[in-house]
Amino acid sequence: MIGKREKIGWVRFSVCTAAIFLCIFGYGLFSENRKLIREEKQQLETAGMMEDGKTQEEILYHIFQGEEEKALQKKGRQVYARAGFEEEMKARYQSRMVQYIVRSGGVFLGAYLLITAAAYIRMREAVRRKEQEFEQFGSVIEQFYTGHYQVAYREEEGMKSRLFSRLNSLGKRLEVQEKKIQDEKETTKSLVTDISHQLKTPVASLKMCLELLAEEDLSKEEQKEFLGQAVGQTQRLDSLTKALINISRMETGMISVKKIQAPIMDTIAQAVSSVYVKAQEKNIEIEVVKNSDEAADMAIPHDPHWTREAIANILENAVKYSGRDTCIQIRMMKRTSFLRIEIEDQGIGIDSRDYTKIFQRFYRGTAPQVKEADGSGVGLYLTRSILEAQGGSVSVSAGKQGSIFTIHVSLTDL
């Protein structure tokens, strides 16, 4: 369908073409008129010279010179008038002009119609191609609405190919965004499920303790016992809530890891300080082994706050699941592109089947000692998330007696 803009363009083209043809036709008509008048004058002059008795050579010479003589023309007109050819001369002039107008006008009109028809056909074809392109673009957009973001097109020169290329890029971005949104929905759903499951037990225990405390026939010893249990469950809820807040912020991007060039030894020292009191209660020694002075004194790109949190979570588990009078050893080794930190304890160890599971959210393992101890199963998950956000990693393996947690921190990735 031809739009208003195309119609206006078509009218302008038709008018301009008609004006050009009229100008050409008018110029041709003017030239033809001059030619016929010139021929008539030559005929009159020839008749006048013949009346004067001029020779054929003189007449030819005069015609060759091309000079007009009005006296000869007047005399020649008198000759034609006496012979009765004056009216015939006028009729012949008019006839030739009419013939020229009909012949030339037909040619110009035919050419005009041919050109305008060809232009109209070409315009219609261009409009049709444009409509097809719009339909293709509309089809692509409809695909986007239905969740199909792959755009099939041929890579070639031209605006159409560039537009399809941009639509394809847009489709890929929309696909990535949709996948990200779906992943966030699944993550949120899973997080809500896990949170409700984790909160269910301490809330139920706290509720039971409070209900028992509300009974009037309890002895002071029983009240003290239930009150202690309620305080313990409250502390567990507080610890669990803080851990859940950190997980939620980490997974929703509210916590941003900001790497700066900072001494790694200071970060490790702060992590050790955070568990020092608990280690002292069990007479557990925490030893930092320096592979070299360079490794101990070096400044590397990392987030000191969150890296300390990640290392502290490992140390807290090491203290929790190690016996009295044991040792936790921290070793640092510098490599070409990363710093390797090993944390080895003398605790209960970890089943090899749980090496990857322990870094999952809320997973606590199957060992009886783990189930008996307080914990939420989020510490190692946060450790992995924090280190991976900085381009690092964490893994676990068996030690001589307990477990060895190995941390890799990049030296170059700022």
Foldseek 3Di string as FASTA:
>chain_A
DDDPVLVVVLVVVLVVLVVVLVVVLVVVLVVLLVVLVLVLQLQQLLQLVVVVVDDPVVSVVVVVVVDGDVVSSVSSCVVCVVVVCNVVSVVVSVVVSVVCCVVSVVVSVVVSVVVSVVVVVVSVVVVVVVVVLVVLVVVQVVCVVVPRLAQDDDDDDDPSNVVSVVSSVVSVVSNVVVVVVVVLVVVVVVLVVLVCVLLVVLVVLLVVLVVVLPDDPDDPVSVVVSVVSNVVSVVLVVVVVVLSVLVVCLSVVVDAWFWDFAQVLVLCVLLCVVCVVLCVVLQEAEEEDEPDPCQRGGTAIGRSVLLSLLVNLVVNVLSLFAHGPWYWYWYWDDDDWKIKIKIDHQGPAADPVCFPVLLDAQDQHDDPSSVVDRDRSRNSVSSQSRQVSQVKGWTWDQDPHYIMIMIIHTRPRD
